[in-house]
C-alpha atoms as a PDB file:
ATOM      1  CA  MET A   1      35.450 -29.872  29.076  1.00  0.00           C
ATOM      2  CA  PHE A   2      32.322 -27.714  29.654  1.00  0.00           C
ATOM      3  CA  GLU A   3      30.274 -29.577  26.893  1.00  0.00           C
ATOM      4  CA  ASN A   4      31.016 -33.106  28.439  1.00  0.00           C
ATOM      5  CA  ARG A   5      30.014 -31.538  31.964  1.00  0.00           C
ATOM      6  CA  THR A   6      26.478 -29.948  30.415  1.00  0.00           C
ATOM      7  CA  GLY A   7      25.397 -32.363  27.897  1.00  0.00           C
ATOM      8  CA  GLY A   8      26.463 -34.988  25.513  1.00  0.00           C
ATOM      9  CA  PRO A   9      27.729 -38.673  26.655  1.00  0.00           C
ATOM     10  CA  GLY A  10      28.574 -38.310  30.344  1.00  0.00           C
ATOM     11  CA  GLY A  11      26.953 -35.374  30.578  1.00  0.00           C
ATOM     12  CA  LEU A  12      24.939 -33.619  33.725  1.00  0.00           C
ATOM     13  CA  VAL A  13      22.146 -32.878  31.315  1.00  0.00           C
ATOM     14  CA  SER A  14      21.493 -34.868  28.469  1.00  0.00           C
ATOM     15  CA  SER A  15      21.049 -33.811  24.454  1.00  0.00           C
ATOM     16  CA  ARG A  16      17.595 -35.096  24.518  1.00  0.00           C
ATOM     17  CA  THR A  17      16.993 -32.913  27.779  1.00  0.00           C
ATOM     18  CA  GLN A  18      18.468 -29.806  26.586  1.00  0.00           C
ATOM     19  CA  ARG A  19      16.091 -30.087  23.116  1.00  0.00           C
ATOM     20  CA  ARG A  20      13.039 -30.063  25.292  1.00  0.00           C
ATOM     21  CA  VAL A  21      14.285 -27.502  27.580  1.00  0.00           C
ATOM     22  CA  ARG A  22      14.764 -25.180  24.106  1.00  0.00           C
ATOM     23  CA  ARG A  23      11.484 -26.385  22.725  1.00  0.00           C
ATOM     24  CA  VAL A  24       9.480 -25.487  25.855  1.00  0.00           C
ATOM     25  CA  ALA A  25      11.213 -22.035  25.871  1.00  0.00           C
ATOM     26  CA  LEU A  26      10.210 -21.434  22.495  1.00  0.00           C
ATOM     27  CA  TYR A  27       6.643 -22.225  23.162  1.00  0.00           C
ATOM     28  CA  LEU A  28       6.749 -20.271  26.535  1.00  0.00           C
ATOM     29  CA  THR A  29       8.379 -17.346  24.685  1.00  0.00           C
ATOM     30  CA  ALA A  30       5.585 -17.871  21.742  1.00  0.00           C
ATOM     31  CA  LEU A  31       2.632 -17.722  23.769  1.00  0.00           C
ATOM     32  CA  ILE A  32       3.928 -14.816  26.024  1.00  0.00           C
ATOM     33  CA  VAL A  33       4.303 -12.594  22.988  1.00  0.00           C
ATOM     34  CA  THR A  34       0.736 -13.918  21.259  1.00  0.00           C
ATOM     35  CA  ALA A  35      -0.808 -13.130  24.890  1.00  0.00           C
ATOM     36  CA  PHE A  36       0.495  -9.583  24.605  1.00  0.00           C
ATOM     37  CA  ILE A  37      -0.632  -9.088  21.036  1.00  0.00           C
ATOM     38  CA  VAL A  38      -4.085 -10.713  20.872  1.00  0.00           C
ATOM     39  CA  THR A  39      -5.388  -9.200  24.351  1.00  0.00           C
ATOM     40  CA  PRO A  40      -5.336  -5.900  23.206  1.00  0.00           C
ATOM     41  CA  LEU A  41      -7.470  -7.061  20.118  1.00  0.00           C
ATOM     42  CA  TYR A  42      -9.764  -9.313  21.786  1.00  0.00           C
ATOM     43  CA  VAL A  43     -10.694  -6.131  24.358  1.00  0.00           C
ATOM     44  CA  MET A  44     -11.048  -3.812  21.629  1.00  0.00           C
ATOM     45  CA  ILE A  45     -13.333  -6.312  19.920  1.00  0.00           C
ATOM     46  CA  ILE A  46     -15.409  -7.668  22.601  1.00  0.00           C
ATOM     47  CA  VAL A  47     -15.747  -3.837  23.678  1.00  0.00           C
ATOM     48  CA  SER A  48     -16.686  -2.704  20.332  1.00  0.00           C
ATOM     49  CA  LEU A  49     -19.474  -5.366  19.934  1.00  0.00           C
ATOM     50  CA  GLN A  50     -21.833  -4.636  23.698  1.00  0.00           C
ATOM     51  CA  SER A  51     -23.869  -1.922  24.109  1.00  0.00           C
ATOM     52  CA  PRO A  52     -23.282   0.742  26.761  1.00  0.00           C
ATOM     53  CA  GLU A  53     -25.480  -0.805  29.242  1.00  0.00           C
ATOM     54  CA  THR A  54     -24.025  -4.358  28.761  1.00  0.00           C
ATOM     55  CA  LEU A  55     -20.571  -3.015  28.969  1.00  0.00           C
ATOM     56  CA  PHE A  56     -20.785  -1.349  32.115  1.00  0.00           C
ATOM     57  CA  SER A  57     -23.467  -3.971  33.722  1.00  0.00           C
ATOM     58  CA  GLY A  58     -22.944  -4.184  37.433  1.00  0.00           C
ATOM     59  CA  GLY A  59     -20.600  -1.038  37.672  1.00  0.00           C
ATOM     60  CA  GLU A  60     -17.728  -2.843  36.082  1.00  0.00           C
ATOM     61  CA  LEU A  61     -16.164  -3.653  32.628  1.00  0.00           C
ATOM     62  CA  THR A  62     -17.821  -6.734  31.114  1.00  0.00           C
ATOM     63  CA  LEU A  63     -14.796  -8.113  29.391  1.00  0.00           C
ATOM     64  CA  PHE A  64     -16.858 -11.983  29.013  1.00  0.00           C
ATOM     65  CA  SER A  65     -20.295 -11.471  27.401  1.00  0.00           C
ATOM     66  CA  THR A  66     -22.671 -13.471  25.393  1.00  0.00           C
ATOM     67  CA  GLU A  67     -24.935 -10.367  24.605  1.00  0.00           C
ATOM     68  CA  LEU A  68     -23.398  -8.718  21.726  1.00  0.00           C
ATOM     69  CA  SER A  69     -24.662  -6.156  19.428  1.00  0.00           C
ATOM     70  CA  LEU A  70     -23.524  -4.168  16.389  1.00  0.00           C
ATOM     71  CA  SER A  71     -25.334  -1.014  17.739  1.00  0.00           C
ATOM     72  CA  ASN A  72     -21.817   0.945  18.279  1.00  0.00           C
ATOM     73  CA  PHE A  73     -21.250   0.442  14.687  1.00  0.00           C
ATOM     74  CA  ARG A  74     -24.901   1.870  13.504  1.00  0.00           C
ATOM     75  CA  THR A  75     -23.874   4.613  15.822  1.00  0.00           C
ATOM     76  CA  LEU A  76     -20.922   5.403  13.965  1.00  0.00           C
ATOM     77  CA  VAL A  77     -22.873   5.305  10.648  1.00  0.00           C
ATOM     78  CA  THR A  78     -25.943   7.221  11.580  1.00  0.00           C
ATOM     79  CA  GLU A  79     -24.569   9.827  14.257  1.00  0.00           C
ATOM     80  CA  THR A  80     -21.009  10.684  13.199  1.00  0.00           C
ATOM     81  CA  ALA A  81     -19.240  11.336   9.895  1.00  0.00           C
ATOM     82  CA  THR A  82     -17.165   7.736  10.086  1.00  0.00           C
ATOM     83  CA  PRO A  83     -17.984   7.450   6.429  1.00  0.00           C
ATOM     84  CA  ARG A  84     -16.685  10.226   4.953  1.00  0.00           C
ATOM     85  CA  TYR A  85     -13.537   9.792   7.300  1.00  0.00           C
ATOM     86  CA  LEU A  86     -13.226   6.357   5.952  1.00  0.00           C
ATOM     87  CA  LEU A  87     -13.517   8.136   2.546  1.00  0.00           C
ATOM     88  CA  ASN A  88     -10.964  10.524   2.902  1.00  0.00           C
ATOM     89  CA  SER A  89      -8.721   7.806   4.136  1.00  0.00           C
ATOM     90  CA  PHE A  90      -9.432   5.894   1.081  1.00  0.00           C
ATOM     91  CA  ILE A  91      -8.453   8.877  -1.088  1.00  0.00           C
ATOM     92  CA  ILE A  92      -5.343   9.714   0.568  1.00  0.00           C
ATOM     93  CA  THR A  93      -3.866   6.322   1.110  1.00  0.00           C
ATOM     94  CA  ALA A  94      -4.493   5.594  -2.684  1.00  0.00           C
ATOM     95  CA  GLY A  95      -2.884   8.757  -3.783  1.00  0.00           C
ATOM     96  CA  VAL A  96       0.047   8.179  -1.423  1.00  0.00           C
ATOM     97  CA  VAL A  97       0.495   4.703  -2.540  1.00  0.00           C
ATOM     98  CA  LEU A  98       0.392   5.873  -6.160  1.00  0.00           C
ATOM     99  CA  VAL A  99       2.814   8.667  -5.681  1.00  0.00           C
ATOM    100  CA  SER A 100       5.465   6.760  -3.236  1.00  0.00           C
ATOM    101  CA  THR A 101       5.221   3.199  -5.735  1.00  0.00           C
ATOM    102  CA  VAL A 102       5.874   5.480  -9.137  1.00  0.00           C
ATOM    103  CA  LEU A 103       8.709   7.766  -7.441  1.00  0.00           C
ATOM    104  CA  ALA A 104      10.501   4.970  -5.783  1.00  0.00           C
ATOM    105  CA  VAL A 105      10.120   2.327  -9.255  1.00  0.00           C
ATOM    106  CA  VAL A 106      11.469   5.287 -11.392  1.00  0.00           C
ATOM    107  CA  SER A 107      14.177   6.567  -8.728  1.00  0.00           C
ATOM    108  CA  GLY A 108      15.180   3.157  -7.859  1.00  0.00           C
ATOM    109  CA  TYR A 109      15.928   1.810 -11.539  1.00  0.00           C
ATOM    110  CA  GLY A 110      17.696   5.269 -12.202  1.00  0.00           C
ATOM    111  CA  LEU A 111      20.145   4.784  -9.178  1.00  0.00           C
ATOM    112  CA  ALA A 112      20.632   1.226 -10.047  1.00  0.00           C
ATOM    113  CA  ARG A 113      20.935   1.582 -14.089  1.00  0.00           C
ATOM    114  CA  PHE A 114      22.410   4.584 -14.848  1.00  0.00           C
ATOM    115  CA  SER A 115      26.223   5.528 -13.551  1.00  0.00           C
ATOM    116  CA  PHE A 116      26.597   9.316 -12.304  1.00  0.00           C
ATOM    117  CA  ARG A 117      29.134  11.350 -10.014  1.00  0.00           C
ATOM    118  CA  GLY A 118      27.671  10.733  -6.020  1.00  0.00           C
ATOM    119  CA  LYS A 119      25.493   8.067  -7.101  1.00  0.00           C
ATOM    120  CA  THR A 120      26.080   5.795  -3.981  1.00  0.00           C
ATOM    121  CA  THR A 121      26.218   9.264  -1.729  1.00  0.00           C
ATOM    122  CA  THR A 122      22.703  10.186  -3.164  1.00  0.00           C
ATOM    123  CA  ALA A 123      21.416   7.132  -2.322  1.00  0.00           C
ATOM    124  CA  ARG A 124      22.849   6.664   1.113  1.00  0.00           C
ATOM    125  CA  LEU A 125      21.381  10.295   1.743  1.00  0.00           C
ATOM    126  CA  ILE A 126      18.148   9.169   0.715  1.00  0.00           C
ATOM    127  CA  LEU A 127      17.977   6.371   3.452  1.00  0.00           C
ATOM    128  CA  PHE A 128      19.344   8.711   6.012  1.00  0.00           C
ATOM    129  CA  SER A 129      16.718  11.548   5.359  1.00  0.00           C
ATOM    130  CA  TYR A 130      14.332   8.538   6.468  1.00  0.00           C
ATOM    131  CA  MET A 131      15.737   8.706   9.965  1.00  0.00           C
ATOM    132  CA  PHE A 132      14.311  12.048  10.470  1.00  0.00           C
ATOM    133  CA  SER A 133      11.153  12.638  12.707  1.00  0.00           C
ATOM    134  CA  PRO A 134       8.096  13.446  10.093  1.00  0.00           C
ATOM    135  CA  ILE A 135       7.662  16.267  12.679  1.00  0.00           C
ATOM    136  CA  VAL A 136      10.931  17.991  11.177  1.00  0.00           C
ATOM    137  CA  LEU A 137       9.556  18.209   7.711  1.00  0.00           C
ATOM    138  CA  ALA A 138       5.806  19.599   9.214  1.00  0.00           C
ATOM    139  CA  ILE A 139       6.646  23.502   8.923  1.00  0.00           C
ATOM    140  CA  PRO A 140       8.695  23.633   5.724  1.00  0.00           C
ATOM    141  CA  LEU A 141       5.690  21.374   4.148  1.00  0.00           C
ATOM    142  CA  TYR A 142       3.031  23.947   5.237  1.00  0.00           C
ATOM    143  CA  ILE A 143       4.775  26.583   3.938  1.00  0.00           C
ATOM    144  CA  ILE A 144       5.310  25.021   0.550  1.00  0.00           C
ATOM    145  CA  PHE A 145       1.426  24.193   0.379  1.00  0.00           C
ATOM    146  CA  PHE A 146       0.843  27.676   1.716  1.00  0.00           C
ATOM    147  CA  ASN A 147       2.531  29.086  -1.355  1.00  0.00           C
ATOM    148  CA  LEU A 148       1.069  26.954  -3.678  1.00  0.00           C
ATOM    149  CA  GLY A 149      -2.358  27.216  -2.292  1.00  0.00           C
ATOM    150  CA  LEU A 150      -2.626  23.294  -1.760  1.00  0.00           C
ATOM    151  CA  LEU A 151      -2.984  23.939   2.102  1.00  0.00           C
ATOM    152  CA  ASN A 152      -6.203  21.879   3.142  1.00  0.00           C
ATOM    153  CA  SER A 153      -6.393  19.715   0.434  1.00  0.00           C
ATOM    154  CA  HIS A 154      -6.150  16.151  -0.037  1.00  0.00           C
ATOM    155  CA  LEU A 155      -3.142  16.799  -2.120  1.00  0.00           C
ATOM    156  CA  ALA A 156      -1.101  18.573   0.572  1.00  0.00           C
ATOM    157  CA  ALA A 157      -2.042  15.719   2.445  1.00  0.00           C
ATOM    158  CA  ILE A 158      -1.111  12.917  -0.285  1.00  0.00           C
ATOM    159  CA  PHE A 159       2.319  14.820  -0.779  1.00  0.00           C
ATOM    160  CA  SER A 160       3.036  15.477   2.748  1.00  0.00           C
ATOM    161  CA  ILE A 161       2.703  11.552   3.564  1.00  0.00           C
ATOM    162  CA  SER A 162       4.557  10.682   0.505  1.00  0.00           C
ATOM    163  CA  ALA A 163       7.568  12.797   1.408  1.00  0.00           C
ATOM    164  CA  ILE A 164       7.403  10.613   4.780  1.00  0.00           C
ATOM    165  CA  ALA A 165       7.473   7.461   2.808  1.00  0.00           C
ATOM    166  CA  ALA A 166       9.634   8.138  -0.311  1.00  0.00           C
ATOM    167  CA  PRO A 167      12.885   7.814   1.087  1.00  0.00           C
ATOM    168  CA  PHE A 168      12.573   4.066   2.624  1.00  0.00           C
ATOM    169  CA  SER A 169      10.811   3.243  -0.615  1.00  0.00           C
ATOM    170  CA  ILE A 170      13.318   4.646  -2.890  1.00  0.00           C
ATOM    171  CA  TRP A 171      15.819   2.948  -1.094  1.00  0.00           C
ATOM    172  CA  LEU A 172      14.400  -0.323  -1.002  1.00  0.00           C
ATOM    173  CA  MET A 173      13.386  -0.564  -4.968  1.00  0.00           C
ATOM    174  CA  TRP A 174      17.311   0.416  -5.158  1.00  0.00           C
ATOM    175  CA  GLN A 175      18.270  -2.538  -3.773  1.00  0.00           C
ATOM    176  CA  TYR A 176      15.831  -4.576  -5.569  1.00  0.00           C
ATOM    177  CA  PHE A 177      16.739  -3.335  -9.094  1.00  0.00           C
ATOM    178  CA  GLN A 178      20.758  -4.026  -8.358  1.00  0.00           C
ATOM    179  CA  ASN A 179      19.508  -7.832  -7.685  1.00  0.00           C
ATOM    180  CA  ILE A 180      17.766  -8.335 -11.077  1.00  0.00           C
ATOM    181  CA  PRO A 181      20.411  -9.127 -13.267  1.00  0.00           C
ATOM    182  CA  VAL A 182      21.188  -6.493 -16.558  1.00  0.00           C
ATOM    183  CA  THR A 183      21.726  -9.552 -18.749  1.00  0.00           C
ATOM    184  CA  TYR A 184      17.954  -9.749 -19.122  1.00  0.00           C
ATOM    185  CA  GLU A 185      17.784  -6.263 -19.984  1.00  0.00           C
ATOM    186  CA  GLU A 186      20.775  -6.400 -22.900  1.00  0.00           C
ATOM    187  CA  SER A 187      19.149  -9.461 -24.204  1.00  0.00           C
ATOM    188  CA  ALA A 188      15.872  -7.951 -24.915  1.00  0.00           C
ATOM    189  CA  TRP A 189      18.126  -4.762 -26.175  1.00  0.00           C
ATOM    190  CA  THR A 190      19.892  -7.017 -28.612  1.00  0.00           C
ATOM    191  CA  SER A 191      16.344  -8.279 -30.034  1.00  0.00           C
ATOM    192  CA  GLY A 192      15.304  -4.783 -30.717  1.00  0.00           C
ATOM    193  CA  ALA A 193      13.211  -3.494 -27.736  1.00  0.00           C
ATOM    194  CA  THR A 194      13.552  -0.043 -26.534  1.00  0.00           C
ATOM    195  CA  ARG A 195      14.571   0.653 -22.958  1.00  0.00           C
ATOM    196  CA  TRP A 196      11.013   1.407 -22.140  1.00  0.00           C
ATOM    197  CA  ARG A 197       9.426  -1.767 -23.461  1.00  0.00           C
ATOM    198  CA  THR A 198      11.963  -3.349 -21.714  1.00  0.00           C
ATOM    199  CA  ILE A 199      11.357  -1.869 -18.169  1.00  0.00           C
ATOM    200  CA  ARG A 200       7.692  -2.601 -19.026  1.00  0.00           C
ATOM    201  CA  ASP A 201       7.912  -6.210 -20.519  1.00  0.00           C
ATOM    202  CA  VAL A 202      10.885  -7.396 -18.595  1.00  0.00           C
ATOM    203  CA  VAL A 203      11.999  -5.204 -15.543  1.00  0.00           C
ATOM    204  CA  LEU A 204       8.799  -4.455 -13.657  1.00  0.00           C
ATOM    205  CA  PRO A 205       7.536  -8.143 -13.862  1.00  0.00           C
ATOM    206  CA  LEU A 206      10.432  -9.365 -12.493  1.00  0.00           C
ATOM    207  CA  ALA A 207      10.216  -6.487  -9.928  1.00  0.00           C
ATOM    208  CA  ARG A 208       6.729  -7.075  -8.821  1.00  0.00           C
ATOM    209  CA  PRO A 209       7.572  -8.459  -5.425  1.00  0.00           C
ATOM    210  CA  GLY A 210       9.679  -5.493  -4.594  1.00  0.00           C
ATOM    211  CA  TYR A 211       6.757  -2.534  -5.978  1.00  0.00           C
ATOM    212  CA  VAL A 212       3.952  -4.449  -4.234  1.00  0.00           C
ATOM    213  CA  SER A 213       6.397  -4.323  -1.201  1.00  0.00           C
ATOM    214  CA  VAL A 214       6.900  -0.600  -1.647  1.00  0.00           C
ATOM    215  CA  ALA A 215       2.944   0.035  -1.677  1.00  0.00           C
ATOM    216  CA  ILE A 216       2.067  -1.770   1.189  1.00  0.00           C
ATOM    217  CA  PHE A 217       5.000   0.065   3.286  1.00  0.00           C
ATOM    218  CA  ALA A 218       3.333   3.278   1.402  1.00  0.00           C
ATOM    219  CA  PHE A 219      -0.019   2.080   2.814  1.00  0.00           C
ATOM    220  CA  SER A 220       0.781   1.731   6.104  1.00  0.00           C
ATOM    221  CA  VAL A 221       2.238   4.846   6.334  1.00  0.00           C
ATOM    222  CA  ALA A 222      -0.321   6.786   4.974  1.00  0.00           C
ATOM    223  CA  TRP A 223      -3.165   5.003   6.754  1.00  0.00           C
ATOM    224  CA  ASN A 224      -2.017   5.507  10.212  1.00  0.00           C
ATOM    225  CA  ASP A 225      -0.560   8.923   9.654  1.00  0.00           C
ATOM    226  CA  TYR A 226      -1.962  11.610  12.031  1.00  0.00           C
ATOM    227  CA  THR A 227       0.782  14.177  12.407  1.00  0.00           C
ATOM    228  CA  MET A 228       1.049  15.565   8.779  1.00  0.00           C
ATOM    229  CA  VAL A 229      -2.896  15.584   8.354  1.00  0.00           C
ATOM    230  CA  LYS A 230      -3.324  17.298  11.282  1.00  0.00           C
ATOM    231  CA  ILE A 231      -0.762  20.006  10.438  1.00  0.00           C
ATOM    232  CA  VAL A 232      -2.009  20.449   6.585  1.00  0.00           C
ATOM    233  CA  LEU A 233      -5.620  19.921   7.151  1.00  0.00           C
ATOM    234  CA  SER A 234      -8.026  22.394   9.247  1.00  0.00           C
ATOM    235  CA  GLU A 235     -11.394  21.206   7.582  1.00  0.00           C
ATOM    236  CA  GLN A 236     -13.020  18.279   9.256  1.00  0.00           C
ATOM    237  CA  ALA A 237     -14.910  17.581   5.854  1.00  0.00           C
ATOM    238  CA  LEU A 238     -11.335  16.571   4.710  1.00  0.00           C
ATOM    239  CA  TYR A 239     -10.497  14.616   8.122  1.00  0.00           C
ATOM    240  CA  PRO A 240      -9.405  10.857   7.361  1.00  0.00           C
ATOM    241  CA  ILE A 241     -10.618   8.206  10.032  1.00  0.00           C
ATOM    242  CA  THR A 242      -7.129   8.651  12.203  1.00  0.00           C
ATOM    243  CA  LEU A 243      -7.855  12.495  12.677  1.00  0.00           C
ATOM    244  CA  GLY A 244     -11.423  11.896  12.415  1.00  0.00           C
ATOM    245  CA  SER A 245     -12.195   9.385  15.051  1.00  0.00           C
ATOM    246  CA  SER A 246     -10.213  11.535  17.450  1.00  0.00           C
ATOM    247  CA  LEU A 247     -12.705  14.025  17.437  1.00  0.00           C
ATOM    248  CA  PHE A 248     -15.477  11.868  19.006  1.00  0.00           C
ATOM    249  CA  LEU A 249     -13.663  12.274  22.407  1.00  0.00           C
ATOM    250  CA  ASP A 250     -15.456  15.403  22.635  1.00  0.00           C
ATOM    251  CA  GLN A 251     -18.823  13.994  21.392  1.00  0.00           C
ATOM    252  CA  LEU A 252     -20.986  13.422  24.847  1.00  0.00           C
ATOM    253  CA  ASN A 253     -23.096  10.904  22.695  1.00  0.00           C
ATOM    254  CA  ILE A 254     -20.071   8.703  21.832  1.00  0.00           C
ATOM    255  CA  GLY A 255     -18.861   6.044  24.691  1.00  0.00           C
ATOM    256  CA  TRP A 256     -16.077   3.359  24.901  1.00  0.00           C
ATOM    257  CA  GLY A 257     -17.984   1.329  22.550  1.00  0.00           C
ATOM    258  CA  GLU A 258     -18.109   3.440  19.681  1.00  0.00           C
ATOM    259  CA  GLN A 259     -14.505   4.461  20.150  1.00  0.00           C
ATOM    260  CA  MET A 260     -13.412   0.984  19.852  1.00  0.00           C
ATOM    261  CA  ALA A 261     -15.903   0.471  16.900  1.00  0.00           C
ATOM    262  CA  ALA A 262     -14.054   2.901  15.255  1.00  0.00           C
ATOM    263  CA  ALA A 263     -10.925   1.372  16.192  1.00  0.00           C
ATOM    264  CA  VAL A 264     -12.061  -2.315  14.952  1.00  0.00           C
ATOM    265  CA  VAL A 265     -13.203  -0.377  11.614  1.00  0.00           C
ATOM    266  CA  MET A 266      -9.498   1.356  11.047  1.00  0.00           C
ATOM    267  CA  SER A 267      -7.859  -2.071  11.737  1.00  0.00           C
ATOM    268  CA  ILE A 268      -9.600  -3.951   9.239  1.00  0.00           C
ATOM    269  CA  PRO A 269      -7.950  -2.734   5.667  1.00  0.00           C
ATOM    270  CA  PRO A 270      -4.404  -2.932   7.083  1.00  0.00           C
ATOM    271  CA  PHE A 271      -5.268  -6.468   8.407  1.00  0.00           C
ATOM    272  CA  LEU A 272      -6.584  -7.588   4.490  1.00  0.00           C
ATOM    273  CA  VAL A 273      -3.632  -6.483   3.385  1.00  0.00           C
ATOM    274  CA  ALA A 274      -1.246  -8.017   5.133  1.00  0.00           C
ATOM    275  CA  LEU A 275      -3.197 -11.177   4.653  1.00  0.00           C
ATOM    276  CA  PHE A 276      -3.828 -11.329   1.207  1.00  0.00           C
ATOM    277  CA  LEU A 277      -0.200  -9.386   0.099  1.00  0.00           C
ATOM    278  CA  GLN A 278       2.253 -11.169   2.870  1.00  0.00           C
ATOM    279  CA  ASN A 279       4.316 -13.116   0.205  1.00  0.00           C
ATOM    280  CA  TYR A 280       4.827 -10.186  -1.940  1.00  0.00           C
ATOM    281  CA  LEU A 281       5.866  -8.113   1.502  1.00  0.00           C
ATOM    282  CA  LEU A 282       8.142 -10.854   2.360  1.00  0.00           C
ATOM    283  CA  GLN A 283       9.789 -11.558  -0.980  1.00  0.00           C
ATOM    284  CA  GLY A 284      10.183  -7.439  -1.323  1.00  0.00           C
ATOM    285  CA  PHE A 285      11.895  -7.268   1.819  1.00  0.00           C
ATOM    286  CA  ASN A 286      14.525 -10.126   1.458  1.00  0.00           C
ATOM    287  CA  LEU A 287      15.367  -7.819  -1.864  1.00  0.00           C
ATOM    288  CA  GLY A 288      14.848 -10.787  -4.441  1.00  0.00           C
ATOM    289  CA  HIS A 289      17.256 -13.235  -2.602  1.00  0.00           C
ATOM    290  CA  GLU A 290      15.465 -16.727  -2.237  1.00  0.00           C
END
């Protein structure tokens, strides 16, 4: 009865009008979301491409200017330790990606293919541990690295961030390996292949979307991390870009333009990773389902 009054034959609002309203609502929602995303990015980029004189010409912030310059980026390279901070970020991020991915593949395969008491509980506890705030691990990890003599080193940063990324990575690979039929491995075994060769030649190629997704996730956690590196690193020469750029606030010769230029530099690697590996990311988080 309600449908006859609102749509369909004899209704107050025709089906065609309802489709148009839904389409307009969808486009309007997409436009609002896009504006919320694009506006901060535009401000960041346009501010980074203006000199201090142009940026505050007339005493007000200029967000629409044709006088663009790369002077802020040159200042970062020549007057700050940004190149060193970027190198540290790449070192730490590469280490976290390697450690997290290898650990996730090995642990995920073991949970999916080997039977042992408490396996399901173990897998759930691994995912549950990801729900804790990273700051909960800060003091225990600090004590561990201090006793091992690894404090204030890239290894401390790599292992501490890997501890944050590992639980979800392991759980993701466990789910992904479960969606790879074990019959593929059994066929290889009947042909005389060892388990290691089966994993290398059969399982890993099939699981590529999964561990690439894990690598992307580990990259995002490591590249954007601030808390753990702040705790385990005390020497500025070892700081990544996230931590090093925060020091610019204390420098009188660094203004808004240079700060936004640093933000642009930090945004480029994640953007490129998402741009070129987005298909793997979608397949991996789909857990192997079409």
